[in-house]
C-alpha atoms as a PDB file:
ATOM      1  CA  MET A   1     -87.910 -90.862 -41.639  1.00  0.00           C
ATOM      2  CA  THR A   2     -90.331 -93.272 -43.298  1.00  0.00           C
ATOM      3  CA  GLY A   3     -93.239 -91.028 -42.346  1.00  0.00           C
ATOM      4  CA  SER A   4     -91.517 -87.999 -43.904  1.00  0.00           C
ATOM      5  CA  ILE A   5     -90.843 -89.911 -47.121  1.00  0.00           C
ATOM      6  CA  LEU A   6     -94.473 -91.020 -47.373  1.00  0.00           C
ATOM      7  CA  THR A   7     -95.663 -87.476 -46.688  1.00  0.00           C
ATOM      8  CA  VAL A   8     -93.574 -86.094 -49.560  1.00  0.00           C
ATOM      9  CA  ALA A   9     -94.738 -88.953 -51.798  1.00  0.00           C
ATOM     10  CA  ALA A  10     -98.399 -88.283 -50.997  1.00  0.00           C
ATOM     11  CA  THR A  11     -97.883 -84.585 -51.746  1.00  0.00           C
ATOM     12  CA  GLU A  12     -96.394 -85.380 -55.156  1.00  0.00           C
ATOM     13  CA  ILE A  13     -99.284 -87.714 -55.948  1.00  0.00           C
ATOM     14  CA  ARG A  14    -101.786 -85.000 -55.056  1.00  0.00           C
ATOM     15  CA  ILE A  15     -99.909 -82.520 -57.245  1.00  0.00           C
ATOM     16  CA  GLY A  16     -99.909 -85.025 -60.098  1.00  0.00           C
ATOM     17  CA  MET A  17    -103.662 -85.518 -59.742  1.00  0.00           C
ATOM     18  CA  ARG A  18    -104.303 -81.777 -59.524  1.00  0.00           C
ATOM     19  CA  ASN A  19    -102.201 -81.094 -62.618  1.00  0.00           C
ATOM     20  CA  ARG A  20    -104.020 -83.906 -64.484  1.00  0.00           C
ATOM     21  CA  TRP A  21    -100.704 -85.700 -65.064  1.00  0.00           C
ATOM     22  CA  VAL A  22    -102.290 -89.084 -64.375  1.00  0.00           C
ATOM     23  CA  VAL A  23    -105.214 -88.480 -66.711  1.00  0.00           C
ATOM     24  CA  LEU A  24    -103.035 -87.069 -69.499  1.00  0.00           C
ATOM     25  CA  ALA A  25    -100.417 -89.830 -69.318  1.00  0.00           C
ATOM     26  CA  ALA A  26    -103.032 -92.593 -69.032  1.00  0.00           C
ATOM     27  CA  LEU A  27    -105.020 -91.242 -71.986  1.00  0.00           C
ATOM     28  CA  MET A  28    -101.872 -90.956 -74.081  1.00  0.00           C
ATOM     29  CA  LEU A  29    -100.866 -94.547 -73.333  1.00  0.00           C
ATOM     30  CA  LEU A  30    -104.428 -95.829 -73.761  1.00  0.00           C
ATOM     31  CA  ILE A  31    -104.944 -94.197 -77.163  1.00  0.00           C
ATOM     32  CA  PHE A  32    -101.623 -95.381 -78.577  1.00  0.00           C
ATOM     33  CA  ALA A  33    -102.121 -98.863 -77.128  1.00  0.00           C
ATOM     34  CA  LEU A  34    -105.615 -99.179 -78.615  1.00  0.00           C
ATOM     35  CA  VAL A  35    -104.449 -97.981 -82.029  1.00  0.00           C
ATOM     36  CA  LEU A  36    -101.509-100.382 -82.062  1.00  0.00           C
ATOM     37  CA  GLY A  37    -103.629-103.205 -80.673  1.00  0.00           C
ATOM     38  CA  LEU A  38    -106.642-102.943 -82.951  1.00  0.00           C
ATOM     39  CA  VAL A  39    -104.707-102.047 -86.113  1.00  0.00           C
ATOM     40  CA  GLY A  40    -101.562-104.068 -85.458  1.00  0.00           C
ATOM     41  CA  THR A  41    -103.343-107.370 -84.858  1.00  0.00           C
ATOM     42  CA  SER A  42    -104.876-107.498 -88.346  1.00  0.00           C
ATOM     43  CA  PRO A  43    -102.186-109.848 -89.794  1.00  0.00           C
ATOM     44  CA  THR A  44    -102.446-112.367 -86.941  1.00  0.00           C
ATOM     45  CA  GLY A  45    -104.770-114.595 -88.923  1.00  0.00           C
ATOM     46  CA  THR A  46    -101.849-115.342 -91.232  1.00  0.00           C
ATOM     47  CA  VAL A  47     -99.075-115.821 -88.705  1.00  0.00           C
ATOM     48  CA  LYS A  48    -101.387-117.589 -86.178  1.00  0.00           C
ATOM     49  CA  SER A  49    -100.145-115.474 -83.294  1.00  0.00           C
ATOM     50  CA  ASP A  50    -102.088-114.406 -80.245  1.00  0.00           C
ATOM     51  CA  PRO A  51    -103.495-110.895 -80.907  1.00  0.00           C
ATOM     52  CA  LEU A  52    -102.539-109.686 -77.451  1.00  0.00           C
ATOM     53  CA  VAL A  53     -98.973-110.987 -77.847  1.00  0.00           C
ATOM     54  CA  VAL A  54     -98.663-109.054 -81.112  1.00  0.00           C
ATOM     55  CA  THR A  55     -99.992-105.985 -79.311  1.00  0.00           C
ATOM     56  CA  VAL A  56     -97.449-106.397 -76.503  1.00  0.00           C
ATOM     57  CA  ALA A  57     -94.653-106.594 -79.089  1.00  0.00           C
ATOM     58  CA  SER A  58     -95.797-103.264 -80.534  1.00  0.00           C
ATOM     59  CA  LEU A  59     -96.272-101.720 -77.098  1.00  0.00           C
ATOM     60  CA  ALA A  60     -92.719-102.665 -76.121  1.00  0.00           C
ATOM     61  CA  THR A  61     -91.462-100.318 -78.821  1.00  0.00           C
ATOM     62  CA  LEU A  62     -94.022 -97.640 -77.904  1.00  0.00           C
ATOM     63  CA  SER A  63     -93.051 -97.807 -74.234  1.00  0.00           C
ATOM     64  CA  MET A  64     -89.382 -97.482 -75.092  1.00  0.00           C
ATOM     65  CA  TYR A  65     -90.051 -93.999 -76.487  1.00  0.00           C
ATOM     66  CA  LEU A  66     -93.079 -92.767 -74.565  1.00  0.00           C
ATOM     67  CA  VAL A  67     -92.495 -93.916 -70.978  1.00  0.00           C
ATOM     68  CA  PRO A  68     -89.008 -92.305 -70.668  1.00  0.00           C
ATOM     69  CA  LEU A  69     -90.410 -89.033 -72.024  1.00  0.00           C
ATOM     70  CA  ILE A  70     -93.286 -89.009 -69.528  1.00  0.00           C
ATOM     71  CA  ALA A  71     -90.897 -89.884 -66.691  1.00  0.00           C
ATOM     72  CA  LEU A  72     -88.474 -87.092 -67.591  1.00  0.00           C
ATOM     73  CA  LEU A  73     -91.318 -84.574 -67.862  1.00  0.00           C
ATOM     74  CA  LEU A  74     -92.433 -85.591 -64.365  1.00  0.00           C
ATOM     75  CA  ALA A  75     -88.919 -85.373 -62.916  1.00  0.00           C
ATOM     76  CA  PHE A  76     -87.291 -82.340 -64.511  1.00  0.00           C
ATOM     77  CA  ASP A  77     -88.524 -79.796 -61.945  1.00  0.00           C
ATOM     78  CA  ALA A  78     -88.336 -82.055 -58.873  1.00  0.00           C
ATOM     79  CA  ILE A  79     -85.379 -80.093 -57.491  1.00  0.00           C
ATOM     80  CA  ALA A  80     -84.778 -77.271 -59.980  1.00  0.00           C
ATOM     81  CA  GLY A  81     -88.422 -76.260 -59.589  1.00  0.00           C
ATOM     82  CA  GLU A  82     -88.047 -75.991 -55.812  1.00  0.00           C
ATOM     83  CA  VAL A  83     -84.957 -73.809 -56.267  1.00  0.00           C
ATOM     84  CA  ASP A  84     -86.558 -71.695 -58.993  1.00  0.00           C
ATOM     85  CA  ARG A  85     -89.714 -71.073 -56.944  1.00  0.00           C
ATOM     86  CA  GLY A  86     -87.719 -70.344 -53.785  1.00  0.00           C
ATOM     87  CA  THR A  87     -89.391 -73.151 -51.805  1.00  0.00           C
ATOM     88  CA  ILE A  88     -86.143 -75.077 -51.330  1.00  0.00           C
ATOM     89  CA  GLN A  89     -85.413 -73.053 -48.164  1.00  0.00           C
ATOM     90  CA  LEU A  90     -88.622 -74.370 -46.586  1.00  0.00           C
ATOM     91  CA  VAL A  91     -87.634 -77.915 -47.509  1.00  0.00           C
ATOM     92  CA  LEU A  92     -84.160 -77.579 -46.023  1.00  0.00           C
ATOM     93  CA  ALA A  93     -85.544 -75.927 -42.882  1.00  0.00           C
ATOM     94  CA  SER A  94     -87.938 -78.811 -42.227  1.00  0.00           C
ATOM     95  CA  PRO A  95     -86.845 -81.875 -40.204  1.00  0.00           C
ATOM     96  CA  ILE A  96     -86.285 -84.088 -43.239  1.00  0.00           C
ATOM     97  CA  SER A  97     -82.996 -85.046 -44.824  1.00  0.00           C
ATOM     98  CA  ARG A  98     -82.330 -84.269 -48.459  1.00  0.00           C
ATOM     99  CA  SER A  99     -82.083 -87.977 -49.263  1.00  0.00           C
ATOM    100  CA  ALA A 100     -85.466 -88.636 -47.668  1.00  0.00           C
ATOM    101  CA  PHE A 101     -86.970 -85.693 -49.563  1.00  0.00           C
ATOM    102  CA  LEU A 102     -85.618 -87.089 -52.832  1.00  0.00           C
ATOM    103  CA  ALA A 103     -86.863 -90.574 -51.967  1.00  0.00           C
ATOM    104  CA  GLY A 104     -90.341 -89.171 -51.305  1.00  0.00           C
ATOM    105  CA  LYS A 105     -90.320 -87.357 -54.628  1.00  0.00           C
ATOM    106  CA  PHE A 106     -89.276 -90.587 -56.344  1.00  0.00           C
ATOM    107  CA  LEU A 107     -92.011 -92.681 -54.725  1.00  0.00           C
ATOM    108  CA  GLY A 108     -94.658 -90.074 -55.493  1.00  0.00           C
ATOM    109  CA  HIS A 109     -93.681 -89.660 -59.127  1.00  0.00           C
ATOM    110  CA  LEU A 110     -93.345 -93.426 -59.548  1.00  0.00           C
ATOM    111  CA  GLY A 111     -96.842 -93.824 -58.114  1.00  0.00           C
ATOM    112  CA  VAL A 112     -98.231 -91.310 -60.621  1.00  0.00           C
ATOM    113  CA  LEU A 113     -96.414 -92.905 -63.538  1.00  0.00           C
ATOM    114  CA  GLY A 114     -97.209 -96.465 -62.451  1.00  0.00           C
ATOM    115  CA  PHE A 115    -100.909 -95.722 -62.057  1.00  0.00           C
ATOM    116  CA  ALA A 116    -101.005 -94.135 -65.517  1.00  0.00           C
ATOM    117  CA  ILE A 117     -99.269 -97.151 -67.097  1.00  0.00           C
ATOM    118  CA  VAL A 118    -101.537 -99.668 -65.357  1.00  0.00           C
ATOM    119  CA  LEU A 119    -104.635 -97.665 -66.266  1.00  0.00           C
ATOM    120  CA  GLY A 120    -103.637 -97.002 -69.878  1.00  0.00           C
ATOM    121  CA  TYR A 121    -102.210-100.369 -70.843  1.00  0.00           C
ATOM    122  CA  GLY A 122    -104.599-102.311 -68.616  1.00  0.00           C
ATOM    123  CA  ALA A 123    -107.698-100.734 -70.155  1.00  0.00           C
ATOM    124  CA  ALA A 124    -106.332-101.202 -73.681  1.00  0.00           C
ATOM    125  CA  GLY A 125    -105.395-104.819 -72.952  1.00  0.00           C
ATOM    126  CA  ALA A 126    -108.852-105.537 -71.540  1.00  0.00           C
ATOM    127  CA  ALA A 127    -110.494-104.042 -74.629  1.00  0.00           C
ATOM    128  CA  ILE A 128    -108.294-106.030 -77.018  1.00  0.00           C
ATOM    129  CA  TYR A 129    -108.849-109.214 -74.993  1.00  0.00           C
ATOM    130  CA  ALA A 130    -112.626-108.722 -75.145  1.00  0.00           C
ATOM    131  CA  VAL A 131    -112.651-107.986 -78.890  1.00  0.00           C
ATOM    132  CA  THR A 132    -110.175-110.606 -80.104  1.00  0.00           C
ATOM    133  CA  GLY A 133    -110.478-113.356 -77.479  1.00  0.00           C
ATOM    134  CA  ALA A 134    -106.753-113.504 -76.711  1.00  0.00           C
ATOM    135  CA  SER A 135    -105.218-116.270 -74.609  1.00  0.00           C
ATOM    136  CA  GLY A 136    -103.862-116.345 -71.069  1.00  0.00           C
ATOM    137  CA  ASP A 137    -100.314-116.250 -72.456  1.00  0.00           C
ATOM    138  CA  GLY A 138    -101.050-112.859 -73.960  1.00  0.00           C
ATOM    139  CA  LEU A 139    -102.323-111.585 -70.622  1.00  0.00           C
ATOM    140  CA  ALA A 140     -99.141-112.782 -68.901  1.00  0.00           C
ATOM    141  CA  ASP A 141     -97.053-110.932 -71.510  1.00  0.00           C
ATOM    142  CA  LEU A 142     -99.123-107.782 -70.937  1.00  0.00           C
ATOM    143  CA  VAL A 143     -98.635-107.945 -67.161  1.00  0.00           C
ATOM    144  CA  ARG A 144     -94.872-108.366 -67.678  1.00  0.00           C
ATOM    145  CA  LEU A 145     -94.863-105.395 -70.045  1.00  0.00           C
ATOM    146  CA  ILE A 146     -96.677-103.215 -67.497  1.00  0.00           C
ATOM    147  CA  ILE A 147     -94.263-104.159 -64.695  1.00  0.00           C
ATOM    148  CA  THR A 148     -91.153-103.610 -66.814  1.00  0.00           C
ATOM    149  CA  SER A 149     -92.588-100.333 -68.173  1.00  0.00           C
ATOM    150  CA  ILE A 150     -92.835 -99.088 -64.595  1.00  0.00           C
ATOM    151  CA  ALA A 151     -89.223-100.208 -64.035  1.00  0.00           C
ATOM    152  CA  LEU A 152     -88.198 -98.308 -67.184  1.00  0.00           C
ATOM    153  CA  GLY A 153     -90.025 -95.240 -65.917  1.00  0.00           C
ATOM    154  CA  ALA A 154     -88.234 -95.544 -62.572  1.00  0.00           C
ATOM    155  CA  ALA A 155     -84.851 -95.496 -64.325  1.00  0.00           C
ATOM    156  CA  PHE A 156     -85.667 -92.325 -66.251  1.00  0.00           C
ATOM    157  CA  LEU A 157     -87.239 -90.660 -63.223  1.00  0.00           C
ATOM    158  CA  ALA A 158     -83.920 -91.132 -61.427  1.00  0.00           C
ATOM    159  CA  ILE A 159     -81.998 -89.856 -64.454  1.00  0.00           C
ATOM    160  CA  GLY A 160     -84.322 -86.854 -64.559  1.00  0.00           C
ATOM    161  CA  TYR A 161     -83.487 -86.076 -60.934  1.00  0.00           C
ATOM    162  CA  VAL A 162     -79.802 -85.939 -61.824  1.00  0.00           C
ATOM    163  CA  ALA A 163     -80.605 -83.326 -64.457  1.00  0.00           C
ATOM    164  CA  SER A 164     -82.918 -81.432 -62.087  1.00  0.00           C
ATOM    165  CA  ALA A 165     -80.335 -81.337 -59.298  1.00  0.00           C
ATOM    166  CA  SER A 166     -77.617 -80.127 -61.663  1.00  0.00           C
ATOM    167  CA  VAL A 167     -79.291 -76.831 -62.627  1.00  0.00           C
ATOM    168  CA  ARG A 168     -81.116 -74.063 -60.800  1.00  0.00           C
ATOM    169  CA  GLN A 169     -83.818 -73.025 -63.288  1.00  0.00           C
ATOM    170  CA  THR A 170     -86.889 -74.965 -64.397  1.00  0.00           C
ATOM    171  CA  GLY A 171     -86.504 -73.988 -68.042  1.00  0.00           C
ATOM    172  CA  THR A 172     -82.928 -75.220 -68.153  1.00  0.00           C
ATOM    173  CA  ALA A 173     -83.961 -78.474 -66.460  1.00  0.00           C
ATOM    174  CA  ALA A 174     -86.746 -78.987 -69.017  1.00  0.00           C
ATOM    175  CA  ALA A 175     -84.361 -78.454 -71.932  1.00  0.00           C
ATOM    176  CA  LEU A 176     -81.855 -80.818 -70.334  1.00  0.00           C
ATOM    177  CA  ALA A 177     -84.560 -83.469 -69.850  1.00  0.00           C
ATOM    178  CA  VAL A 178     -85.573 -83.307 -73.510  1.00  0.00           C
ATOM    179  CA  GLY A 179     -81.912 -83.486 -74.515  1.00  0.00           C
ATOM    180  CA  ILE A 180     -81.419 -86.572 -72.358  1.00  0.00           C
ATOM    181  CA  TRP A 181     -84.427 -88.221 -74.011  1.00  0.00           C
ATOM    182  CA  LEU A 182     -83.133 -87.453 -77.503  1.00  0.00           C
ATOM    183  CA  ILE A 183     -79.658 -88.790 -76.742  1.00  0.00           C
ATOM    184  CA  ALA A 184     -80.606 -91.822 -74.646  1.00  0.00           C
ATOM    185  CA  VAL A 185     -83.603 -93.013 -76.635  1.00  0.00           C
ATOM    186  CA  VAL A 186     -83.141 -91.760 -80.203  1.00  0.00           C
ATOM    187  CA  LEU A 187     -79.557 -90.832 -81.044  1.00  0.00           C
ATOM    188  CA  TYR A 188     -77.957 -93.681 -79.076  1.00  0.00           C
ATOM    189  CA  ASP A 189     -79.856 -96.246 -81.135  1.00  0.00           C
ATOM    190  CA  LEU A 190     -79.076 -94.483 -84.390  1.00  0.00           C
ATOM    191  CA  GLY A 191     -75.383 -94.503 -83.563  1.00  0.00           C
ATOM    192  CA  LEU A 192     -75.402 -98.167 -82.559  1.00  0.00           C
ATOM    193  CA  PHE A 193     -77.242 -99.364 -85.622  1.00  0.00           C
ATOM    194  CA  GLY A 194     -75.082 -97.199 -87.868  1.00  0.00           C
ATOM    195  CA  ALA A 195     -71.990 -98.854 -86.404  1.00  0.00           C
ATOM    196  CA  LEU A 196     -73.657-102.249 -86.801  1.00  0.00           C
ATOM    197  CA  VAL A 197     -74.316-101.645 -90.487  1.00  0.00           C
ATOM    198  CA  ALA A 198     -70.710-100.581 -90.980  1.00  0.00           C
ATOM    199  CA  ASN A 199     -69.401-103.717 -89.261  1.00  0.00           C
ATOM    200  CA  ALA A 200     -72.197-106.247 -89.690  1.00  0.00           C
ATOM    201  CA  ASP A 201     -70.035-109.378 -89.553  1.00  0.00           C
ATOM    202  CA  GLY A 202     -67.083-108.201 -87.480  1.00  0.00           C
ATOM    203  CA  LEU A 203     -66.057-108.163 -83.844  1.00  0.00           C
ATOM    204  CA  PHE A 204     -68.318-105.197 -83.038  1.00  0.00           C
ATOM    205  CA  ALA A 205     -71.493-106.981 -84.167  1.00  0.00           C
ATOM    206  CA  LYS A 206     -70.748-110.217 -82.327  1.00  0.00           C
ATOM    207  CA  SER A 207     -69.029-109.144 -79.124  1.00  0.00           C
ATOM    208  CA  VAL A 208     -69.589-105.421 -78.495  1.00  0.00           C
ATOM    209  CA  PHE A 209     -72.987-104.486 -79.923  1.00  0.00           C
ATOM    210  CA  PRO A 210     -75.137-106.703 -77.622  1.00  0.00           C
ATOM    211  CA  TYR A 211     -73.527-105.270 -74.491  1.00  0.00           C
ATOM    212  CA  LEU A 212     -73.788-101.672 -75.708  1.00  0.00           C
ATOM    213  CA  LEU A 213     -77.438-102.355 -76.493  1.00  0.00           C
ATOM    214  CA  VAL A 214     -78.225-103.681 -73.026  1.00  0.00           C
ATOM    215  CA  ALA A 215     -76.258-100.791 -71.471  1.00  0.00           C
ATOM    216  CA  SER A 216     -79.083 -98.472 -72.525  1.00  0.00           C
ATOM    217  CA  PRO A 217     -82.073 -98.689 -70.142  1.00  0.00           C
ATOM    218  CA  ALA A 218     -84.550 -98.171 -72.988  1.00  0.00           C
ATOM    219  CA  ASP A 219     -82.986-100.852 -75.184  1.00  0.00           C
ATOM    220  CA  ALA A 220     -82.583-103.184 -72.209  1.00  0.00           C
ATOM    221  CA  PHE A 221     -86.315-102.880 -71.542  1.00  0.00           C
ATOM    222  CA  ARG A 222     -87.252-103.694 -75.127  1.00  0.00           C
ATOM    223  CA  LEU A 223     -84.708-106.527 -75.427  1.00  0.00           C
ATOM    224  CA  TYR A 224     -86.032-108.221 -72.302  1.00  0.00           C
ATOM    225  CA  ASN A 225     -89.642-108.084 -73.459  1.00  0.00           C
ATOM    226  CA  MET A 226     -88.837-109.187 -77.018  1.00  0.00           C
ATOM    227  CA  ALA A 227     -86.725-112.104 -75.796  1.00  0.00           C
ATOM    228  CA  LEU A 228     -89.649-113.542 -73.832  1.00  0.00           C
ATOM    229  CA  LEU A 229     -92.316-113.133 -76.515  1.00  0.00           C
ATOM    230  CA  ASP A 230     -93.428-115.780 -78.969  1.00  0.00           C
ATOM    231  CA  SER A 231     -91.077-115.385 -81.950  1.00  0.00           C
ATOM    232  CA  GLY A 232     -93.989-115.667 -84.372  1.00  0.00           C
ATOM    233  CA  ALA A 233     -95.510-112.500 -82.968  1.00  0.00           C
ATOM    234  CA  THR A 234     -92.479-110.283 -83.557  1.00  0.00           C
ATOM    235  CA  THR A 235     -91.179-109.298 -86.953  1.00  0.00           C
ATOM    236  CA  THR A 236     -88.688-106.562 -86.047  1.00  0.00           C
ATOM    237  CA  SER A 237     -84.941-106.909 -86.423  1.00  0.00           C
ATOM    238  CA  LEU A 238     -84.598-106.423 -82.679  1.00  0.00           C
ATOM    239  CA  SER A 239     -86.526-109.621 -82.015  1.00  0.00           C
ATOM    240  CA  GLY A 240     -83.838-111.529 -83.921  1.00  0.00           C
ATOM    241  CA  ILE A 241     -81.142-109.791 -81.899  1.00  0.00           C
ATOM    242  CA  ALA A 242     -82.982-110.715 -78.697  1.00  0.00           C
ATOM    243  CA  ASP A 243     -83.027-114.383 -79.717  1.00  0.00           C
ATOM    244  CA  ALA A 244     -79.262-114.336 -80.391  1.00  0.00           C
ATOM    245  CA  LEU A 245     -78.116-112.589 -77.206  1.00  0.00           C
ATOM    246  CA  PRO A 246     -74.846-114.023 -75.814  1.00  0.00           C
ATOM    247  CA  PHE A 247     -76.185-113.598 -72.263  1.00  0.00           C
ATOM    248  CA  PRO A 248     -79.441-114.313 -70.392  1.00  0.00           C
ATOM    249  CA  ALA A 249     -82.280-111.894 -71.019  1.00  0.00           C
ATOM    250  CA  GLU A 250     -82.427-111.230 -67.275  1.00  0.00           C
ATOM    251  CA  LEU A 251     -79.221-109.192 -67.621  1.00  0.00           C
ATOM    252  CA  ALA A 252     -81.350-106.535 -69.297  1.00  0.00           C
ATOM    253  CA  LEU A 253     -83.392-106.217 -66.105  1.00  0.00           C
ATOM    254  CA  LEU A 254     -80.190-105.760 -64.107  1.00  0.00           C
ATOM    255  CA  SER A 255     -79.331-102.889 -66.418  1.00  0.00           C
ATOM    256  CA  LEU A 256     -82.654-101.188 -65.598  1.00  0.00           C
ATOM    257  CA  PHE A 257     -82.217-101.578 -61.851  1.00  0.00           C
ATOM    258  CA  GLY A 258     -78.552-100.576 -62.060  1.00  0.00           C
ATOM    259  CA  TRP A 259     -79.399 -97.345 -63.868  1.00  0.00           C
ATOM    260  CA  THR A 260     -82.127 -96.535 -61.320  1.00  0.00           C
ATOM    261  CA  LEU A 261     -79.871 -97.079 -58.320  1.00  0.00           C
ATOM    262  CA  ALA A 262     -76.847 -95.303 -59.809  1.00  0.00           C
ATOM    263  CA  ALA A 263     -78.887 -92.276 -60.919  1.00  0.00           C
ATOM    264  CA  LEU A 264     -80.633 -91.959 -57.544  1.00  0.00           C
ATOM    265  CA  VAL A 265     -77.293 -92.059 -55.732  1.00  0.00           C
ATOM    266  CA  ALA A 266     -75.853 -89.471 -58.140  1.00  0.00           C
ATOM    267  CA  ALA A 267     -78.891 -87.214 -57.724  1.00  0.00           C
ATOM    268  CA  ALA A 268     -78.669 -87.479 -53.919  1.00  0.00           C
ATOM    269  CA  LEU A 269     -74.963 -86.585 -53.955  1.00  0.00           C
ATOM    270  CA  ILE A 270     -75.535 -83.569 -56.214  1.00  0.00           C
ATOM    271  CA  PHE A 271     -78.538 -82.458 -54.164  1.00  0.00           C
ATOM    272  CA  ARG A 272     -76.515 -82.738 -50.955  1.00  0.00           C
ATOM    273  CA  ARG A 273     -74.027 -80.198 -52.269  1.00  0.00           C
ATOM    274  CA  LEU A 274     -76.693 -77.827 -53.559  1.00  0.00           C
ATOM    275  CA  GLU A 275     -76.709 -74.406 -51.967  1.00  0.00           C
ATOM    276  CA  PRO A 276     -80.134 -72.676 -52.086  1.00  0.00           C
END
């Protein structure tokens, strides 16, 4: 079974390379990271913060929006595309279980996404380090950001598979993926912060809001990274929330892994019941 999973993963990586997914995603991340890094570090002479730490703080917010979108765009046709193109019969006729096929897809897509993140953020971090002379602490923060960005991408890849397994047409899966991104990354935050403004000093703000925030994989990713950064490098309201969390920051990581596992199981169950 392991050999079958690796074969599917290698196929997905080749497809990603052929479709220039790696190059496109890496360039997108690199350009945004360089812009945020070189422009966003200009005030560091006043606040005496490491330029690379300031860059990581900005990239945490960028990753929260961009990485889930890239992951969903990679995942939306993983199953629906096979059904739409009529190749699902070949998959089901081959000596590989549906769970193993899905696992291979996941590993392949995660490899494509992970390589793009390492290449994009790594190259930008190296450039900023060379220009500004950042410290080793900033490099450690960048490495943590890259690793957690890959974990965030894994969560949304799995969520994308749920959407892909739930429909039979690629176009519908694409629309569903974009809808998931809007709800999970944009509208969820707007709703939470609207409720927080309405009840800034009440029970919701103190006891409910932090847990609803960490329940979102995108917010959990950003909270974890903000909580471990030097407070002088972050000026957003979320950095203050991260410092006042009523639970360890590591709980945010559990949220990421929990979403990944739950979504993969859900996608496998839906895929198992799919009739070609």
